[in-house]
Amino acid sequence: MRKLNKLVIRGIVYTILLVSALWCVSEILTKNSQQEYISIEYNNTEGVKLFYAKREKYTLEHPNKPQNMWVKIVDNKIIIRRLAFHDTRDPSHHSVVFNCMYDDRLDLPSLRDKDHDYRNLTKLYALITFKTHSARCFQLEYWTHNGERHTRKRFKEIYNNYILRTPGSVNEEPIFAQISTHKHCNDLSDYIPIKDNKTEKNYTYGLCIHQSLYNLTQPEMLVHWVELNIALGAEIMTVYLQNDYISETYYTLMIPYIKKGVVEVLDWGLKPPIIPGYTKAWGQNGVITECIYRNMYRVKYLGLSDLDEFFVPQKVKTIPEMIKGFENSFFRGRMARRASSFTFHNIYFHKRERMLPELSNTSILQDCPGMELPRYYTFTARSSFKTPEYFNKIIVRPRAVISAWIHRVNVPLKGFSRKFGVSVSDGVSQHYRVPEKEIKRPQTTFTMSRYFHETLRGIKRELCKKNTGTA
């Protein structure tokens, strides 16, 4: 009986080992099959000629038409931004990444399996053409997403942001892709340019306005935003416009900064007829994804903010100085160096009777009558209440981020942590919101006096022309 029991136990052990071995082999085979392209390689010289002939049409720079900025798949349920990225940050997996917007409402089950498994989205394929003019067909895989269904209880968020990529390593330099729903890459979409991993310039600190601008009526605020961020150490800023939903003045005021190379103005264009109707902030999560990936090789630290928000150090003058201090710190340096983001408490500022003391000199503005003053000159009442952590604002390290939301990094690259918390004594996100949020225990502060003369010069240079009618 004892011998029989030993045989039974041994049989069970062998069975478990055999099943485990078969599972491992299956996983390896599956992984290997995913890494290989689907169709045979062929020469696409003719496609390369057509792409370069039409390439100017695909620029995202303002002004452009929405149909030139998006590729529509599956009856508008899947919209793909017309800019993909060659992501070589992971040395073991060089991939081509696509920024997609999915209408994944529960009443549209065709985009998911019955269990709503994100890994089983409608299968998409990409024919990728390389610098050598060779082309290969890849089945795209789900990598991650931004946006949740539960937000629809409060917001009309119809399109969520999905990040898809090639499953195998793409080591050659790609030029463009075309999307298909057929596994042999038949019936292809129009061209999608692929941004390579090269950069002509390297910046320490840049910013993105983390949603496309729309339905705003104070274009001067954009000049205020740019000038203060220059004083705070920004070298490049990316601004997205929602075509036809905002005054052209927002763009014309940026032309001097565009010529200097400190601002780029891009069109977003996610609106009818590209999509049927409004979705929360016109696809804000997609804007964040694009801004991170287009900056991942040229910007070391990238702030994500609104037009009325600013990352302001409290002990030093600029953001690069502040972060360098964190990374060189004896106690917290290692934490800062491996952080994919730096999180700032969101502090509200409000307008009260007292303005910055520099404004008491009335002669300062005599040469520019009627010029709109920035809120950071006139809002000096600071709330002593720290907003909850889920309202934090973030500066990300683009080389370390796979996906991020407004207030946090969702998925960092392997080897990086999600965040490094910035104390309010070191730096805050100063929020000049109108209409005002309820203020708690206000404190008058003139911190922004540090930037007054520097910002005023730039603001007067651009806005006095508008008010006096001079060139």
Protein backbone atom coordinates (compact mmCIF):
# COMPACT_ATOMS: atom_id res chain seq x y z
CA MET A 1 0.00 0.00 0.00
CA ARG A 2 2.83 2.37 0.90
CA LYS A 3 4.59 1.50 -2.36
CA LEU A 4 1.38 2.26 -4.29
CA ASN A 5 1.05 5.63 -2.60
CA LYS A 6 4.64 6.50 -3.57
CA LEU A 7 3.92 5.59 -7.19
CA VAL A 8 0.76 7.75 -7.19
CA ILE A 9 2.64 10.71 -5.70
CA ARG A 10 5.50 10.25 -8.15
CA GLY A 11 3.01 10.12 -11.02
CA ILE A 12 1.37 13.35 -9.89
CA VAL A 13 4.74 15.09 -9.61
CA TYR A 14 5.79 13.90 -13.09
CA THR A 15 2.46 15.05 -14.51
CA ILE A 16 2.85 18.51 -12.97
CA LEU A 17 6.42 18.77 -14.30
CA LEU A 18 5.32 17.66 -17.77
CA VAL A 19 2.42 20.14 -17.87
CA SER A 20 4.73 22.93 -16.67
CA ALA A 21 7.30 22.07 -19.32
CA LEU A 22 4.67 22.01 -22.06
CA TRP A 23 3.31 25.36 -20.88
CA CYS A 24 6.81 26.89 -20.95
CA VAL A 25 7.43 25.57 -24.45
CA SER A 26 4.05 26.92 -25.56
CA GLU A 27 4.84 30.35 -24.13
CA ILE A 28 8.23 30.42 -25.83
CA LEU A 29 6.74 29.39 -29.17
CA THR A 30 3.96 31.94 -28.81
CA LYS A 31 6.43 34.66 -27.95
CA ASN A 32 8.68 33.74 -30.85
CA SER A 33 5.78 33.62 -33.28
CA GLN A 34 4.65 37.06 -32.11
CA GLN A 35 8.10 38.48 -32.62
CA GLU A 36 8.24 37.47 -36.25
CA TYR A 37 6.62 39.57 -38.93
CA ILE A 38 3.68 37.95 -40.67
CA SER A 39 4.29 38.29 -44.40
CA ILE A 40 7.45 37.91 -46.40
CA GLU A 41 9.65 40.91 -46.92
CA TYR A 42 9.27 42.78 -50.18
CA ASN A 43 10.57 45.94 -51.83
CA ASN A 44 8.33 49.01 -51.48
CA THR A 45 10.28 51.58 -53.48
CA GLU A 46 7.11 52.74 -55.23
CA GLY A 47 5.41 53.33 -51.87
CA VAL A 48 8.42 55.33 -50.66
CA LYS A 49 8.18 57.62 -53.70
CA LEU A 50 4.47 58.23 -53.10
CA PHE A 51 5.05 58.86 -49.38
CA TYR A 52 7.70 61.52 -49.96
CA ALA A 53 5.53 63.13 -52.62
CA LYS A 54 2.68 63.54 -50.10
CA ARG A 55 4.73 64.00 -46.92
CA GLU A 56 4.13 67.74 -46.49
CA LYS A 57 0.40 67.05 -46.18
CA TYR A 58 1.00 64.93 -43.07
CA THR A 59 2.64 67.58 -40.93
CA LEU A 60 0.87 68.15 -37.62
CA GLU A 61 1.95 71.78 -37.45
CA HIS A 62 -0.74 74.43 -37.53
CA PRO A 63 -2.55 75.07 -39.82
CA ASN A 64 -3.71 71.72 -41.17
CA LYS A 65 -6.90 69.79 -41.86
CA PRO A 66 -8.20 67.17 -39.39
CA GLN A 67 -8.38 64.48 -42.09
CA ASN A 68 -4.62 64.86 -42.60
CA MET A 69 -3.94 64.19 -38.93
CA TRP A 70 -5.91 60.99 -38.30
CA VAL A 71 -6.44 57.58 -39.89
CA LYS A 72 -9.91 56.08 -39.35
CA ILE A 73 -10.31 52.31 -38.94
CA VAL A 74 -13.38 50.12 -38.33
CA ASP A 75 -16.13 52.66 -39.09
CA ASN A 76 -14.61 55.43 -36.95
CA LYS A 77 -14.46 53.20 -33.85
CA ILE A 78 -10.66 53.25 -33.99
CA ILE A 79 -8.83 56.47 -34.82
CA ILE A 80 -5.04 56.46 -35.18
CA ARG A 81 -2.94 59.60 -34.96
CA ARG A 82 -0.87 60.22 -38.07
CA LEU A 83 2.44 60.09 -36.24
CA ALA A 84 4.02 56.87 -34.95
CA PHE A 85 7.28 56.57 -33.01
CA HIS A 86 10.34 54.34 -33.21
CA ASP A 87 10.82 53.55 -29.52
CA THR A 88 14.34 52.23 -28.84
CA ARG A 89 14.47 53.00 -25.11
CA ASP A 90 14.35 49.30 -24.19
CA PRO A 91 17.52 47.76 -25.71
CA SER A 92 15.85 44.35 -25.85
CA HIS A 93 12.68 45.54 -27.60
CA HIS A 94 12.83 48.25 -30.24
CA SER A 95 9.25 48.85 -31.34
CA VAL A 96 7.08 51.11 -33.47
CA VAL A 97 4.43 52.72 -31.26
CA PHE A 98 0.99 53.93 -32.39
CA ASN A 99 -1.18 56.49 -30.57
CA CYS A 100 -4.82 55.36 -30.95
CA MET A 101 -8.23 56.52 -29.80
CA TYR A 102 -10.80 53.72 -29.26
CA ASP A 103 -14.54 54.12 -28.94
CA ASP A 104 -14.84 51.24 -26.48
CA ARG A 105 -18.29 51.75 -24.97
CA LEU A 106 -20.02 48.68 -23.64
CA ASP A 107 -22.60 48.88 -26.42
CA LEU A 108 -19.83 48.37 -28.99
CA PRO A 109 -18.58 44.86 -28.14
CA SER A 110 -16.85 44.37 -31.49
CA LEU A 111 -13.71 46.03 -30.16
CA ARG A 112 -13.23 43.55 -27.31
CA ASP A 113 -13.87 39.94 -26.44
CA LYS A 114 -16.83 39.01 -24.26
CA ASP A 115 -14.76 39.34 -21.07
CA HIS A 116 -13.52 42.81 -22.05
CA ASP A 117 -9.89 41.69 -22.02
CA TYR A 118 -7.71 44.59 -23.15
CA ARG A 119 -5.31 42.11 -24.76
CA ASN A 120 -8.00 40.92 -27.16
CA LEU A 121 -8.82 44.11 -29.01
CA THR A 122 -9.77 44.06 -32.66
CA LYS A 123 -6.62 42.86 -34.38
CA LEU A 124 -4.76 45.52 -36.31
CA TYR A 125 -1.77 45.05 -38.59
CA ALA A 126 0.86 47.51 -39.74
CA LEU A 127 2.81 47.37 -42.96
CA ILE A 128 6.04 49.12 -42.01
CA THR A 129 8.38 50.41 -44.68
CA PHE A 130 12.04 50.97 -43.80
CA LYS A 131 14.79 53.27 -45.00
CA THR A 132 16.11 50.41 -47.13
CA HIS A 133 12.71 50.47 -48.95
CA SER A 134 11.92 46.98 -47.63
CA ALA A 135 8.46 46.47 -46.08
CA ARG A 136 7.13 43.95 -43.56
CA CYS A 137 3.70 43.27 -42.08
CA PHE A 138 3.36 43.14 -38.26
CA GLN A 139 0.40 42.26 -36.06
CA LEU A 140 0.16 45.05 -33.50
CA GLU A 141 -0.13 44.27 -29.80
CA TYR A 142 -1.84 46.15 -26.98
CA TRP A 143 0.72 47.81 -24.72
CA THR A 144 -1.33 50.00 -22.37
CA HIS A 145 -4.20 52.48 -22.29
CA ASN A 146 -5.32 55.74 -20.65
CA GLY A 147 -8.90 56.42 -19.58
CA GLU A 148 -11.49 54.34 -17.75
CA ARG A 149 -15.17 53.60 -18.29
CA HIS A 150 -16.11 54.72 -14.79
CA THR A 151 -15.15 58.31 -15.67
CA ARG A 152 -18.15 58.38 -17.98
CA LYS A 153 -20.42 58.69 -14.97
CA ARG A 154 -19.12 62.27 -14.63
CA PHE A 155 -17.64 63.07 -18.05
CA LYS A 156 -18.56 62.25 -21.60
CA GLU A 157 -15.39 60.29 -22.30
CA ILE A 158 -16.23 58.19 -25.34
CA TYR A 159 -12.78 57.70 -26.85
CA ASN A 160 -10.09 56.22 -24.63
CA ASN A 161 -6.42 56.33 -25.52
CA TYR A 162 -4.74 53.04 -26.44
CA ILE A 163 -1.04 52.59 -27.11
CA LEU A 164 -0.29 49.79 -29.57
CA ARG A 165 3.12 48.60 -30.72
CA THR A 166 4.92 46.02 -32.82
CA PRO A 167 5.48 42.86 -30.73
CA GLY A 168 8.94 42.06 -32.05
CA SER A 169 12.09 44.13 -32.06
CA VAL A 170 12.29 46.57 -34.98
CA ASN A 171 15.97 47.38 -35.35
CA GLU A 172 15.95 48.89 -38.83
CA GLU A 173 15.10 52.56 -39.27
CA PRO A 174 11.39 52.79 -40.25
CA ILE A 175 9.99 55.56 -42.46
CA PHE A 176 6.23 55.10 -42.48
CA ALA A 177 3.44 52.64 -41.70
CA GLN A 178 0.05 51.74 -43.16
CA ILE A 179 -2.69 50.10 -41.10
CA SER A 180 -4.89 47.15 -42.05
CA THR A 181 -7.41 44.83 -40.42
CA HIS A 182 -6.19 41.94 -42.62
CA LYS A 183 -3.39 39.67 -41.42
CA HIS A 184 -1.53 39.91 -44.73
CA CYS A 185 -1.75 43.72 -44.73
CA ASN A 186 -4.22 43.98 -47.59
CA ASP A 187 -6.53 47.00 -47.99
CA LEU A 188 -4.10 49.47 -46.42
CA SER A 189 -4.75 52.87 -44.87
CA ASP A 190 -3.03 56.05 -45.94
CA TYR A 191 0.54 56.69 -44.77
CA ILE A 192 1.51 57.30 -41.12
CA PRO A 193 4.98 58.89 -40.77
CA ILE A 194 7.22 57.32 -38.10
CA LYS A 195 9.32 59.65 -35.96
CA ASP A 196 12.82 58.22 -35.52
CA ASN A 197 14.96 58.17 -32.39
CA LYS A 198 17.22 60.99 -33.55
CA THR A 199 17.12 64.59 -32.39
CA GLU A 200 18.82 67.73 -33.60
CA LYS A 201 18.62 69.42 -30.21
CA ASN A 202 18.68 68.27 -26.61
CA TYR A 203 16.70 70.21 -24.03
CA THR A 204 16.84 69.92 -20.25
CA TYR A 205 13.31 71.19 -19.56
CA GLY A 206 10.24 71.50 -21.75
CA LEU A 207 6.48 71.74 -21.30
CA CYS A 208 3.26 70.64 -22.95
CA ILE A 209 -0.16 72.14 -22.42
CA HIS A 210 -1.75 68.78 -21.70
CA GLN A 211 -4.93 69.26 -23.70
CA SER A 212 -5.75 70.91 -26.99
CA LEU A 213 -6.90 74.50 -26.52
CA TYR A 214 -10.56 75.16 -27.35
CA ASN A 215 -13.42 77.49 -26.36
CA LEU A 216 -11.03 80.03 -24.80
CA THR A 217 -11.30 83.80 -25.22
CA GLN A 218 -8.11 85.24 -23.68
CA PRO A 219 -5.22 84.65 -26.09
CA GLU A 220 -2.98 86.93 -23.99
CA MET A 221 -2.88 84.14 -21.39
CA LEU A 222 -0.80 82.03 -23.77
CA VAL A 223 1.86 84.76 -23.95
CA HIS A 224 1.78 85.00 -20.14
CA TRP A 225 2.22 81.20 -19.92
CA VAL A 226 5.15 81.13 -22.34
CA GLU A 227 7.02 84.06 -20.77
CA LEU A 228 6.81 82.76 -17.20
CA ASN A 229 7.88 79.27 -18.25
CA ILE A 230 10.89 80.71 -20.09
CA ALA A 231 11.83 82.44 -16.81
CA LEU A 232 11.33 79.11 -15.02
CA GLY A 233 13.86 77.42 -17.30
CA ALA A 234 11.80 75.99 -20.18
CA GLU A 235 13.62 75.71 -23.51
CA ILE A 236 10.82 74.21 -25.65
CA MET A 237 7.02 74.29 -25.26
CA THR A 238 4.41 72.36 -27.22
CA VAL A 239 0.93 73.81 -27.69
CA TYR A 240 -1.98 71.92 -29.30
CA LEU A 241 -4.90 73.76 -30.89
CA GLN A 242 -8.34 72.28 -31.53
CA ASN A 243 -8.93 73.40 -35.11
CA ASP A 244 -11.73 75.95 -35.67
CA TYR A 245 -12.73 75.85 -31.99
CA ILE A 246 -10.39 78.65 -30.92
CA SER A 247 -9.35 82.08 -32.20
CA GLU A 248 -6.50 82.19 -34.71
CA THR A 249 -4.96 84.89 -32.48
CA TYR A 250 -3.65 82.11 -30.21
CA TYR A 251 -1.46 81.02 -33.12
CA THR A 252 -0.43 84.45 -34.41
CA LEU A 253 0.76 85.49 -30.94
CA MET A 254 3.05 82.44 -30.95
CA ILE A 255 4.74 83.17 -34.29
CA PRO A 256 7.66 85.16 -32.74
CA TYR A 257 8.30 82.29 -30.30
CA ILE A 258 8.05 79.71 -33.09
CA LYS A 259 10.70 81.63 -35.05
CA LYS A 260 12.95 81.60 -31.99
CA GLY A 261 12.48 77.84 -31.64
CA VAL A 262 11.03 77.92 -28.12
CA VAL A 263 7.41 77.08 -29.06
CA GLU A 264 5.80 74.65 -31.49
CA VAL A 265 2.07 74.88 -32.28
CA LEU A 266 0.42 71.67 -33.47
CA ASP A 267 -3.12 70.91 -34.55
CA TRP A 268 -5.05 68.16 -32.77
CA GLY A 269 -8.19 67.98 -34.89
CA LEU A 270 -10.01 65.17 -33.06
CA LYS A 271 -13.50 66.47 -33.84
CA PRO A 272 -16.32 65.91 -36.32
CA PRO A 273 -16.18 64.58 -38.99
CA ILE A 274 -13.23 62.53 -37.66
CA ILE A 275 -15.39 61.44 -34.70
CA PRO A 276 -19.21 61.67 -34.36
CA GLY A 277 -19.28 64.16 -31.48
CA TYR A 278 -17.74 65.47 -28.28
CA THR A 279 -15.50 63.28 -26.11
CA LYS A 280 -13.97 64.50 -22.83
CA ALA A 281 -11.58 67.39 -23.51
CA TRP A 282 -11.44 66.22 -27.14
CA GLY A 283 -9.14 63.30 -26.35
CA GLN A 284 -6.87 64.81 -23.69
CA ASN A 285 -5.23 61.46 -22.88
CA GLY A 286 -4.10 61.14 -26.49
CA VAL A 287 -2.50 64.61 -26.36
CA ILE A 288 -0.51 63.58 -23.28
CA THR A 289 0.68 60.37 -24.95
CA GLU A 290 1.79 62.15 -28.11
CA CYS A 291 3.59 64.89 -26.23
CA ILE A 292 5.59 62.39 -24.17
CA TYR A 293 6.60 60.26 -27.15
CA ARG A 294 7.49 63.15 -29.48
CA ASN A 295 9.78 64.49 -26.74
CA MET A 296 11.28 61.23 -25.45
CA TYR A 297 14.66 61.75 -27.14
CA ARG A 298 14.99 65.54 -27.03
CA VAL A 299 13.68 66.61 -23.58
CA LYS A 300 15.05 65.36 -20.26
CA TYR A 301 12.20 66.68 -18.07
CA LEU A 302 8.75 67.47 -19.47
CA GLY A 303 6.07 69.34 -17.54
CA LEU A 304 2.39 68.62 -18.21
CA SER A 305 0.18 71.55 -17.28
CA ASP A 306 -2.84 73.67 -18.14
CA LEU A 307 -2.72 77.26 -19.33
CA ASP A 308 -3.34 78.55 -15.79
CA GLU A 309 -0.79 76.31 -14.02
CA PHE A 310 2.94 76.72 -13.40
CA PHE A 311 5.60 74.55 -11.75
CA VAL A 312 7.38 76.99 -9.42
CA PRO A 313 10.43 76.19 -7.25
CA GLN A 314 10.36 77.73 -3.79
CA LYS A 315 14.09 77.76 -2.97
CA VAL A 316 15.78 78.24 -6.34
CA LYS A 317 14.73 80.10 -9.47
CA THR A 318 14.35 77.45 -12.18
CA ILE A 319 12.99 73.91 -12.50
CA PRO A 320 16.27 72.44 -13.87
CA GLU A 321 18.12 73.81 -10.82
CA MET A 322 15.56 72.28 -8.49
CA ILE A 323 15.62 68.80 -10.09
CA LYS A 324 19.42 68.82 -10.28
CA GLY A 325 19.42 69.48 -6.54
CA PHE A 326 17.17 66.47 -5.96
CA GLU A 327 19.32 64.18 -8.11
CA ASN A 328 22.55 65.29 -6.43
CA SER A 329 21.11 64.91 -2.94
CA PHE A 330 23.04 62.53 -0.69
CA PHE A 331 19.89 61.14 0.92
CA ARG A 332 17.32 61.18 -1.90
CA GLY A 333 19.47 61.37 -5.01
CA ARG A 334 19.06 57.73 -6.01
CA MET A 335 15.27 57.98 -5.65
CA ALA A 336 15.17 61.11 -7.79
CA ARG A 337 17.41 59.67 -10.51
CA ARG A 338 15.24 56.58 -10.98
CA ALA A 339 11.89 58.40 -10.81
CA SER A 340 9.76 58.54 -13.96
CA SER A 341 8.00 61.66 -12.65
CA PHE A 342 8.22 64.47 -10.12
CA THR A 343 4.86 65.17 -8.48
CA PHE A 344 3.85 68.63 -7.24
CA HIS A 345 1.02 69.57 -4.91
CA ASN A 346 -1.56 71.74 -6.67
CA ILE A 347 -1.91 75.02 -4.76
CA TYR A 348 -4.64 77.51 -5.67
CA PHE A 349 -3.91 81.23 -5.93
CA HIS A 350 -6.62 83.89 -5.82
CA LYS A 351 -7.12 87.55 -6.56
CA ARG A 352 -7.42 89.84 -3.56
CA GLU A 353 -6.76 93.55 -3.01
CA ARG A 354 -2.97 93.22 -2.93
CA MET A 355 -0.97 92.79 -6.13
CA LEU A 356 2.78 92.35 -6.51
CA PRO A 357 4.51 95.41 -4.98
CA GLU A 358 6.29 96.15 -8.29
CA LEU A 359 2.95 97.22 -9.76
CA SER A 360 2.78 100.17 -7.33
CA ASN A 361 5.13 101.93 -9.75
CA THR A 362 2.48 103.16 -12.21
CA SER A 363 5.06 104.33 -14.73
CA ILE A 364 5.93 100.70 -15.54
CA LEU A 365 2.85 100.30 -17.72
CA GLN A 366 2.49 103.84 -19.09
CA ASP A 367 3.95 102.84 -22.45
CA CYS A 368 1.45 100.00 -22.80
CA PRO A 369 -2.01 101.25 -21.73
CA GLY A 370 -4.79 98.72 -21.44
CA MET A 371 -2.49 95.71 -21.53
CA GLU A 372 -3.95 92.63 -19.80
CA LEU A 373 -1.87 91.74 -16.74
CA PRO A 374 -0.97 88.12 -15.97
CA ARG A 375 -2.82 86.49 -13.12
CA TYR A 376 0.49 85.69 -11.47
CA TYR A 377 0.96 89.47 -10.94
CA THR A 378 -2.43 90.04 -9.37
CA PHE A 379 -3.32 86.73 -7.65
CA THR A 380 -1.26 86.87 -4.46
CA ALA A 381 -3.53 85.02 -2.01
CA ARG A 382 -2.17 81.49 -1.67
CA SER A 383 -4.27 78.75 -0.14
CA SER A 384 -2.45 76.99 2.68
CA PHE A 385 -4.52 73.89 1.94
CA LYS A 386 -2.73 71.17 -0.01
CA THR A 387 -5.00 69.47 -2.52
CA PRO A 388 -5.16 65.66 -2.27
CA GLU A 389 -2.43 63.67 -3.99
CA TYR A 390 -4.71 62.59 -6.83
CA PHE A 391 -4.80 66.26 -7.91
CA ASN A 392 -1.01 66.47 -8.15
CA LYS A 393 0.61 67.84 -11.28
CA ILE A 394 3.61 66.13 -12.80
CA ILE A 395 6.89 66.71 -14.58
CA VAL A 396 7.79 63.46 -16.34
CA ARG A 397 11.05 61.99 -17.56
CA PRO A 398 9.97 61.08 -21.13
CA ARG A 399 12.65 58.40 -21.52
CA ALA A 400 11.15 56.59 -18.51
CA VAL A 401 7.40 56.74 -19.24
CA ILE A 402 5.20 54.33 -21.21
CA SER A 403 1.92 56.05 -20.36
CA ALA A 404 0.76 58.90 -18.14
CA TRP A 405 -2.44 60.63 -17.14
CA ILE A 406 -3.01 64.25 -16.04
CA HIS A 407 -2.00 63.62 -12.42
CA ARG A 408 0.26 60.56 -12.48
CA VAL A 409 2.41 58.16 -14.46
CA ASN A 410 0.37 55.04 -15.17
CA VAL A 411 3.15 52.78 -16.48
CA PRO A 412 6.85 53.57 -16.09
CA LEU A 413 9.55 51.91 -18.15
CA LYS A 414 11.23 48.95 -16.45
CA GLY A 415 13.84 50.09 -13.93
CA PHE A 416 12.07 53.35 -13.01
CA SER A 417 9.71 54.16 -10.17
CA ARG A 418 6.41 55.96 -10.69
CA LYS A 419 7.20 59.16 -8.84
CA PHE A 420 9.37 61.34 -6.68
CA GLY A 421 7.25 63.47 -4.37
CA VAL A 422 8.23 67.16 -4.26
CA SER A 423 7.56 68.79 -0.88
CA VAL A 424 5.69 72.11 -0.83
CA SER A 425 8.78 73.71 0.67
CA ASP A 426 10.74 72.79 -2.48
CA GLY A 427 8.21 73.39 -5.24
CA VAL A 428 4.49 73.59 -6.02
CA SER A 429 2.12 73.73 -8.96
CA GLN A 430 0.67 77.24 -8.73
CA HIS A 431 -2.88 77.19 -10.09
CA TYR A 432 -4.51 80.50 -11.08
CA ARG A 433 -7.98 79.21 -11.74
CA VAL A 434 -11.03 81.26 -12.72
CA PRO A 435 -13.71 80.82 -11.46
CA GLU A 436 -11.96 80.43 -8.14
CA LYS A 437 -11.98 77.33 -6.04
CA GLU A 438 -12.92 77.76 -2.38
CA ILE A 439 -9.92 79.24 -0.57
CA LYS A 440 -8.84 77.92 2.82
CA ARG A 441 -6.58 79.85 5.20
CA PRO A 442 -5.20 82.27 2.58
CA GLN A 443 -1.67 83.60 2.87
CA THR A 444 -0.39 86.61 0.94
CA THR A 445 2.80 85.81 -0.95
CA PHE A 446 4.98 87.77 -3.36
CA THR A 447 7.03 84.81 -4.59
CA MET A 448 6.40 85.81 -8.20
CA SER A 449 8.27 89.08 -7.72
CA ARG A 450 11.37 87.03 -8.59
CA TYR A 451 10.11 86.78 -12.17
CA PHE A 452 8.42 90.16 -12.55
CA HIS A 453 10.92 92.20 -14.57
CA GLU A 454 11.99 89.28 -16.76
CA THR A 455 8.45 88.31 -17.72
CA LEU A 456 7.22 91.91 -18.08
CA ARG A 457 9.82 92.63 -20.77
CA GLY A 458 8.64 89.74 -22.93
CA ILE A 459 4.93 90.38 -22.31
CA LYS A 460 5.22 94.05 -23.24
CA ARG A 461 7.27 93.19 -26.31
CA GLU A 462 4.47 90.96 -27.66
CA LEU A 463 1.27 92.47 -26.26
CA CYS A 464 2.00 96.20 -26.48
CA LYS A 465 2.00 95.78 -30.24
CA LYS A 466 -1.49 94.30 -30.00
CA ASN A 467 -2.84 97.11 -27.77
CA THR A 468 -1.21 100.08 -29.53
CA GLY A 469 -1.62 98.75 -33.04
CA THR A 470 2.12 99.08 -33.77
CA ALA A 471 4.25 96.47 -35.47
